[in-house]
Amino acid sequence: MKKFILLLALIVGAQSISFSQSYDDLTAVDAVTGKSLVLGKMISGRGMVLIFHSLNCPFAKMYEGRIKKIKETFQSQGIGFALINPEIGNSESEQIPLRNYIDDSGLNMSYLIDAGQAWTKLFQVTKIPEVLVLVPGNEGLMIKYRGAIDNNPQAETAVTERHLERALNQILKREEPMAAQVRAVGCNIRSY
């Protein structure tokens, strides 16, 4: 029985190492620049916030101002930001609305296209907006926080728990986030 448990632990450990290493190599086209970006090369500071987003989700629109404020606060502290759209393909006609959205919204960040939903499936993201905070580690990128931005998508003035901000502050202090995962609320991601 002990051998079985040890073998199981080794298998699970090997899988988690291969998953963390595979995050570094994920690629996606940036609708803003049209270039293919590699996730591991996008992180040049303390970490990266990936925000799964769609122009068709009203929850994403409700969070726009909060995303801007969080980005303004943490980008200067070494945290990068990118939006990821899992609901469109790589065609030029599909990229134009995303590029226009970045220009019009003032978000000023990469807007990655998750064509084929490879990132969505690998990270097991189910909602829009749902965030992941990735930090560099010895074995590659690691997820330190996943889930909701805060506890009230509809009314920013009624927010009492700022989950993403708390996690980022703890990461910057080199602490583990108090809650590593908080259930995201929003639009369901359509699977293809």
C-alpha atoms as a PDB file:
ATOM      1  CA  MET A   1       0.000   0.000   0.000  1.00  0.00           C
ATOM      2  CA  LYS A   2       2.864   2.396   0.818  1.00  0.00           C
ATOM      3  CA  LYS A   3       4.436   1.725  -2.590  1.00  0.00           C
ATOM      4  CA  PHE A   4       1.128   2.507  -4.292  1.00  0.00           C
ATOM      5  CA  ILE A   5       0.770   5.814  -2.435  1.00  0.00           C
ATOM      6  CA  LEU A   6       4.383   6.732  -3.215  1.00  0.00           C
ATOM      7  CA  LEU A   7       3.873   5.893  -6.896  1.00  0.00           C
ATOM      8  CA  LEU A   8       0.672   7.947  -6.991  1.00  0.00           C
ATOM      9  CA  ALA A   9       2.446  10.914  -5.352  1.00  0.00           C
ATOM     10  CA  LEU A  10       5.257  10.701  -7.928  1.00  0.00           C
ATOM     11  CA  ILE A  11       2.796  10.637 -10.817  1.00  0.00           C
ATOM     12  CA  VAL A  12       0.859  13.623  -9.482  1.00  0.00           C
ATOM     13  CA  GLY A  13       4.099  15.514  -8.801  1.00  0.00           C
ATOM     14  CA  ALA A  14       5.399  14.836 -12.299  1.00  0.00           C
ATOM     15  CA  GLN A  15       2.131  16.014 -13.827  1.00  0.00           C
ATOM     16  CA  SER A  16       2.128  19.260 -11.840  1.00  0.00           C
ATOM     17  CA  ILE A  17       5.724  19.949 -12.880  1.00  0.00           C
ATOM     18  CA  SER A  18       4.907  19.339 -16.542  1.00  0.00           C
ATOM     19  CA  PHE A  19       1.839  21.598 -16.293  1.00  0.00           C
ATOM     20  CA  SER A  20       3.806  24.425 -14.668  1.00  0.00           C
ATOM     21  CA  GLN A  21       6.475  24.149 -17.357  1.00  0.00           C
ATOM     22  CA  SER A  22       3.860  24.074 -20.104  1.00  0.00           C
ATOM     23  CA  TYR A  23       2.448  27.435 -18.963  1.00  0.00           C
ATOM     24  CA  ASP A  24       5.720  29.103 -19.987  1.00  0.00           C
ATOM     25  CA  ASP A  25       5.367  27.882 -23.571  1.00  0.00           C
ATOM     26  CA  LEU A  26       1.742  28.874 -24.180  1.00  0.00           C
ATOM     27  CA  THR A  27       1.369  31.118 -27.213  1.00  0.00           C
ATOM     28  CA  ALA A  28      -1.451  33.310 -28.450  1.00  0.00           C
ATOM     29  CA  VAL A  29      -1.910  36.066 -30.998  1.00  0.00           C
ATOM     30  CA  ASP A  30      -2.209  39.565 -29.558  1.00  0.00           C
ATOM     31  CA  ALA A  31      -5.101  41.303 -31.330  1.00  0.00           C
ATOM     32  CA  VAL A  32      -3.519  44.692 -30.587  1.00  0.00           C
ATOM     33  CA  THR A  33      -0.193  44.041 -32.347  1.00  0.00           C
ATOM     34  CA  GLY A  34      -1.049  40.987 -34.470  1.00  0.00           C
ATOM     35  CA  LYS A  35       2.055  39.249 -33.113  1.00  0.00           C
ATOM     36  CA  SER A  36       2.252  35.822 -31.511  1.00  0.00           C
ATOM     37  CA  LEU A  37       3.246  36.125 -27.842  1.00  0.00           C
ATOM     38  CA  VAL A  38       4.706  33.480 -25.525  1.00  0.00           C
ATOM     39  CA  LEU A  39       3.364  33.618 -21.969  1.00  0.00           C
ATOM     40  CA  GLY A  40       6.701  32.923 -20.293  1.00  0.00           C
ATOM     41  CA  LYS A  41       8.311  35.823 -22.170  1.00  0.00           C
ATOM     42  CA  MET A  42       5.465  38.211 -21.310  1.00  0.00           C
ATOM     43  CA  ILE A  43       6.384  38.060 -17.629  1.00  0.00           C
ATOM     44  CA  SER A  44       9.318  40.339 -16.954  1.00  0.00           C
ATOM     45  CA  GLY A  45       8.531  41.356 -13.384  1.00  0.00           C
ATOM     46  CA  ARG A  46       6.924  39.828 -10.329  1.00  0.00           C
ATOM     47  CA  GLY A  47       3.957  38.233 -12.049  1.00  0.00           C
ATOM     48  CA  MET A  48       1.150  38.415 -14.566  1.00  0.00           C
ATOM     49  CA  VAL A  49      -2.615  38.824 -14.262  1.00  0.00           C
ATOM     50  CA  LEU A  50      -4.535  37.071 -17.024  1.00  0.00           C
ATOM     51  CA  ILE A  51      -8.142  38.239 -17.293  1.00  0.00           C
ATOM     52  CA  PHE A  52     -10.455  36.036 -19.331  1.00  0.00           C
ATOM     53  CA  HIS A  53     -12.681  38.493 -21.174  1.00  0.00           C
ATOM     54  CA  SER A  54     -15.276  38.833 -23.918  1.00  0.00           C
ATOM     55  CA  LEU A  55     -16.854  41.821 -25.589  1.00  0.00           C
ATOM     56  CA  ASN A  56     -20.199  39.994 -25.404  1.00  0.00           C
ATOM     57  CA  CYS A  57     -20.232  39.568 -21.611  1.00  0.00           C
ATOM     58  CA  PRO A  58     -21.952  42.347 -19.604  1.00  0.00           C
ATOM     59  CA  PHE A  59     -19.978  41.340 -16.482  1.00  0.00           C
ATOM     60  CA  ALA A  60     -16.725  42.152 -18.308  1.00  0.00           C
ATOM     61  CA  LYS A  61     -18.062  45.627 -19.104  1.00  0.00           C
ATOM     62  CA  MET A  62     -19.057  46.151 -15.439  1.00  0.00           C
ATOM     63  CA  TYR A  63     -15.477  45.415 -14.358  1.00  0.00           C
ATOM     64  CA  GLU A  64     -13.755  47.654 -16.924  1.00  0.00           C
ATOM     65  CA  GLY A  65     -13.147  50.590 -14.558  1.00  0.00           C
ATOM     66  CA  ARG A  66     -11.948  48.331 -11.752  1.00  0.00           C
ATOM     67  CA  ILE A  67      -9.545  46.528 -14.066  1.00  0.00           C
ATOM     68  CA  LYS A  68      -8.067  49.890 -15.100  1.00  0.00           C
ATOM     69  CA  LYS A  69      -7.582  50.940 -11.461  1.00  0.00           C
ATOM     70  CA  ILE A  70      -5.980  47.635 -10.469  1.00  0.00           C
ATOM     71  CA  LYS A  71      -3.654  47.771 -13.488  1.00  0.00           C
ATOM     72  CA  GLU A  72      -2.648  51.358 -12.686  1.00  0.00           C
ATOM     73  CA  THR A  73      -1.890  50.399  -9.091  1.00  0.00           C
ATOM     74  CA  PHE A  74       0.089  47.221  -9.689  1.00  0.00           C
ATOM     75  CA  GLN A  75       1.755  47.578 -13.085  1.00  0.00           C
ATOM     76  CA  SER A  76       4.407  49.919 -11.665  1.00  0.00           C
ATOM     77  CA  GLN A  77       5.171  47.252  -9.035  1.00  0.00           C
ATOM     78  CA  GLY A  78       6.148  44.620 -11.591  1.00  0.00           C
ATOM     79  CA  ILE A  79       2.787  42.991 -12.311  1.00  0.00           C
ATOM     80  CA  GLY A  80       1.834  42.616 -15.983  1.00  0.00           C
ATOM     81  CA  PHE A  81      -1.710  42.423 -17.309  1.00  0.00           C
ATOM     82  CA  ALA A  82      -3.354  40.846 -20.354  1.00  0.00           C
ATOM     83  CA  LEU A  83      -6.904  40.126 -21.447  1.00  0.00           C
ATOM     84  CA  ILE A  84      -7.673  36.765 -23.059  1.00  0.00           C
ATOM     85  CA  ASN A  85     -10.679  36.152 -25.298  1.00  0.00           C
ATOM     86  CA  PRO A  86     -11.645  32.461 -25.564  1.00  0.00           C
ATOM     87  CA  GLU A  87     -14.614  33.049 -27.867  1.00  0.00           C
ATOM     88  CA  ILE A  88     -13.100  34.156 -31.180  1.00  0.00           C
ATOM     89  CA  GLY A  89     -10.610  32.973 -33.764  1.00  0.00           C
ATOM     90  CA  ASN A  90      -7.438  34.450 -35.253  1.00  0.00           C
ATOM     91  CA  SER A  91      -8.934  36.079 -38.351  1.00  0.00           C
ATOM     92  CA  GLU A  92      -8.225  39.758 -38.973  1.00  0.00           C
ATOM     93  CA  SER A  93     -11.952  40.551 -38.996  1.00  0.00           C
ATOM     94  CA  GLU A  94     -12.316  39.080 -35.492  1.00  0.00           C
ATOM     95  CA  GLN A  95      -9.251  40.959 -34.197  1.00  0.00           C
ATOM     96  CA  ILE A  96     -10.463  44.424 -35.234  1.00  0.00           C
ATOM     97  CA  PRO A  97     -13.199  44.737 -32.559  1.00  0.00           C
ATOM     98  CA  LEU A  98     -10.718  43.650 -29.864  1.00  0.00           C
ATOM     99  CA  ARG A  99      -8.134  46.183 -31.064  1.00  0.00           C
ATOM    100  CA  ASN A 100     -10.804  48.895 -31.132  1.00  0.00           C
ATOM    101  CA  TYR A 101     -11.944  47.940 -27.636  1.00  0.00           C
ATOM    102  CA  ILE A 102      -8.423  48.361 -26.244  1.00  0.00           C
ATOM    103  CA  ASP A 103      -8.105  51.739 -27.953  1.00  0.00           C
ATOM    104  CA  ASP A 104     -11.560  52.985 -26.878  1.00  0.00           C
ATOM    105  CA  SER A 105     -11.488  51.643 -23.304  1.00  0.00           C
ATOM    106  CA  GLY A 106      -8.043  52.949 -22.444  1.00  0.00           C
ATOM    107  CA  LEU A 107      -7.055  49.602 -20.927  1.00  0.00           C
ATOM    108  CA  ASN A 108      -3.739  49.651 -22.822  1.00  0.00           C
ATOM    109  CA  MET A 109      -2.759  45.988 -22.502  1.00  0.00           C
ATOM    110  CA  SER A 110      -2.386  42.948 -24.722  1.00  0.00           C
ATOM    111  CA  TYR A 111      -5.636  41.312 -25.811  1.00  0.00           C
ATOM    112  CA  LEU A 112      -4.785  37.685 -26.502  1.00  0.00           C
ATOM    113  CA  ILE A 113      -6.879  35.396 -28.674  1.00  0.00           C
ATOM    114  CA  ASP A 114      -7.367  31.928 -27.224  1.00  0.00           C
ATOM    115  CA  ALA A 115      -8.237  30.321 -30.567  1.00  0.00           C
ATOM    116  CA  GLY A 116      -9.285  26.747 -29.958  1.00  0.00           C
ATOM    117  CA  GLN A 117      -9.545  27.508 -26.227  1.00  0.00           C
ATOM    118  CA  ALA A 118      -6.211  25.866 -25.402  1.00  0.00           C
ATOM    119  CA  TRP A 119      -5.525  28.316 -22.540  1.00  0.00           C
ATOM    120  CA  THR A 120      -9.101  28.102 -21.271  1.00  0.00           C
ATOM    121  CA  LYS A 121      -8.962  24.313 -21.128  1.00  0.00           C
ATOM    122  CA  LEU A 122      -5.473  24.113 -19.649  1.00  0.00           C
ATOM    123  CA  PHE A 123      -6.288  26.628 -16.900  1.00  0.00           C
ATOM    124  CA  GLN A 124      -9.834  25.204 -16.493  1.00  0.00           C
ATOM    125  CA  VAL A 125     -11.434  28.636 -16.703  1.00  0.00           C
ATOM    126  CA  THR A 126     -15.244  28.627 -16.894  1.00  0.00           C
ATOM    127  CA  LYS A 127     -16.333  32.258 -16.370  1.00  0.00           C
ATOM    128  CA  ILE A 128     -15.825  35.700 -17.850  1.00  0.00           C
ATOM    129  CA  PRO A 129     -14.286  37.605 -16.200  1.00  0.00           C
ATOM    130  CA  GLU A 130     -12.101  35.142 -14.333  1.00  0.00           C
ATOM    131  CA  VAL A 131      -8.540  36.033 -13.389  1.00  0.00           C
ATOM    132  CA  LEU A 132      -5.350  34.064 -12.917  1.00  0.00           C
ATOM    133  CA  VAL A 133      -2.251  35.427 -11.231  1.00  0.00           C
ATOM    134  CA  LEU A 134       0.897  33.696 -12.443  1.00  0.00           C
ATOM    135  CA  VAL A 135       4.318  34.145 -10.874  1.00  0.00           C
ATOM    136  CA  PRO A 136       7.696  32.816 -11.963  1.00  0.00           C
ATOM    137  CA  GLY A 137       9.007  29.928  -9.884  1.00  0.00           C
ATOM    138  CA  ASN A 138      11.883  27.458  -9.919  1.00  0.00           C
ATOM    139  CA  GLU A 139       9.865  25.008 -12.008  1.00  0.00           C
ATOM    140  CA  GLY A 140       8.240  27.567 -14.331  1.00  0.00           C
ATOM    141  CA  LEU A 141       5.124  29.672 -13.977  1.00  0.00           C
ATOM    142  CA  MET A 142       2.842  28.905 -11.044  1.00  0.00           C
ATOM    143  CA  ILE A 143      -0.752  29.950 -10.411  1.00  0.00           C
ATOM    144  CA  LYS A 144      -0.916  31.839  -7.117  1.00  0.00           C
ATOM    145  CA  TYR A 145      -4.508  33.076  -7.370  1.00  0.00           C
ATOM    146  CA  ARG A 146      -7.513  32.267  -9.524  1.00  0.00           C
ATOM    147  CA  GLY A 147     -11.092  33.416  -9.550  1.00  0.00           C
ATOM    148  CA  ALA A 148     -13.063  36.569  -8.894  1.00  0.00           C
ATOM    149  CA  ILE A 149     -11.824  40.145  -9.040  1.00  0.00           C
ATOM    150  CA  ASP A 150     -14.008  41.099  -6.085  1.00  0.00           C
ATOM    151  CA  ASN A 151     -17.288  40.123  -4.445  1.00  0.00           C
ATOM    152  CA  ASN A 152     -19.740  42.369  -6.309  1.00  0.00           C
ATOM    153  CA  PRO A 153     -19.706  42.457 -10.110  1.00  0.00           C
ATOM    154  CA  GLN A 154     -22.784  44.672 -10.416  1.00  0.00           C
ATOM    155  CA  ALA A 155     -21.959  47.520  -8.019  1.00  0.00           C
ATOM    156  CA  GLU A 156     -18.418  48.704  -7.433  1.00  0.00           C
ATOM    157  CA  THR A 157     -19.583  50.859  -4.518  1.00  0.00           C
ATOM    158  CA  ALA A 158     -20.908  47.766  -2.724  1.00  0.00           C
ATOM    159  CA  VAL A 159     -17.647  45.788  -2.931  1.00  0.00           C
ATOM    160  CA  THR A 160     -16.478  44.570   0.476  1.00  0.00           C
ATOM    161  CA  GLU A 161     -13.855  41.997  -0.580  1.00  0.00           C
ATOM    162  CA  ARG A 162     -11.210  42.907  -3.157  1.00  0.00           C
ATOM    163  CA  HIS A 163      -9.915  39.387  -3.819  1.00  0.00           C
ATOM    164  CA  LEU A 164      -7.508  40.159  -6.670  1.00  0.00           C
ATOM    165  CA  GLU A 165      -6.010  43.237  -4.990  1.00  0.00           C
ATOM    166  CA  ARG A 166      -5.476  41.334  -1.735  1.00  0.00           C
ATOM    167  CA  ALA A 167      -3.792  38.456  -3.580  1.00  0.00           C
ATOM    168  CA  LEU A 168      -1.506  40.826  -5.498  1.00  0.00           C
ATOM    169  CA  ASN A 169      -0.522  42.701  -2.325  1.00  0.00           C
ATOM    170  CA  GLN A 170       0.315  39.408  -0.609  1.00  0.00           C
ATOM    171  CA  ILE A 171       2.326  38.186  -3.604  1.00  0.00           C
ATOM    172  CA  LEU A 172       4.302  41.441  -3.658  1.00  0.00           C
ATOM    173  CA  LYS A 173       5.096  40.873   0.047  1.00  0.00           C
ATOM    174  CA  ARG A 174       6.280  37.362  -0.934  1.00  0.00           C
ATOM    175  CA  GLU A 175       3.396  35.797   1.000  1.00  0.00           C
ATOM    176  CA  GLU A 176       0.978  33.147  -0.168  1.00  0.00           C
ATOM    177  CA  PRO A 177      -2.431  34.636  -1.005  1.00  0.00           C
ATOM    178  CA  MET A 178      -4.834  34.168   1.899  1.00  0.00           C
ATOM    179  CA  ALA A 179      -7.396  32.696  -0.484  1.00  0.00           C
ATOM    180  CA  ALA A 180      -5.726  31.060  -3.461  1.00  0.00           C
ATOM    181  CA  GLN A 181      -9.068  30.565  -5.208  1.00  0.00           C
ATOM    182  CA  VAL A 182     -12.384  32.408  -5.057  1.00  0.00           C
ATOM    183  CA  ARG A 183     -15.287  31.348  -7.260  1.00  0.00           C
ATOM    184  CA  ALA A 184     -15.695  33.734 -10.188  1.00  0.00           C
ATOM    185  CA  VAL A 185     -19.119  35.081 -11.079  1.00  0.00           C
ATOM    186  CA  GLY A 186     -19.936  36.082 -14.632  1.00  0.00           C
ATOM    187  CA  CYS A 187     -20.792  34.756 -18.058  1.00  0.00           C
ATOM    188  CA  ASN A 188     -20.217  31.084 -18.811  1.00  0.00           C
ATOM    189  CA  ILE A 189     -17.533  30.463 -21.407  1.00  0.00           C
ATOM    190  CA  ARG A 190     -18.985  28.795 -24.471  1.00  0.00           C
ATOM    191  CA  SER A 191     -17.011  25.641 -25.239  1.00  0.00           C
ATOM    192  CA  TYR A 192     -16.094  24.754 -28.812  1.00  0.00           C
END
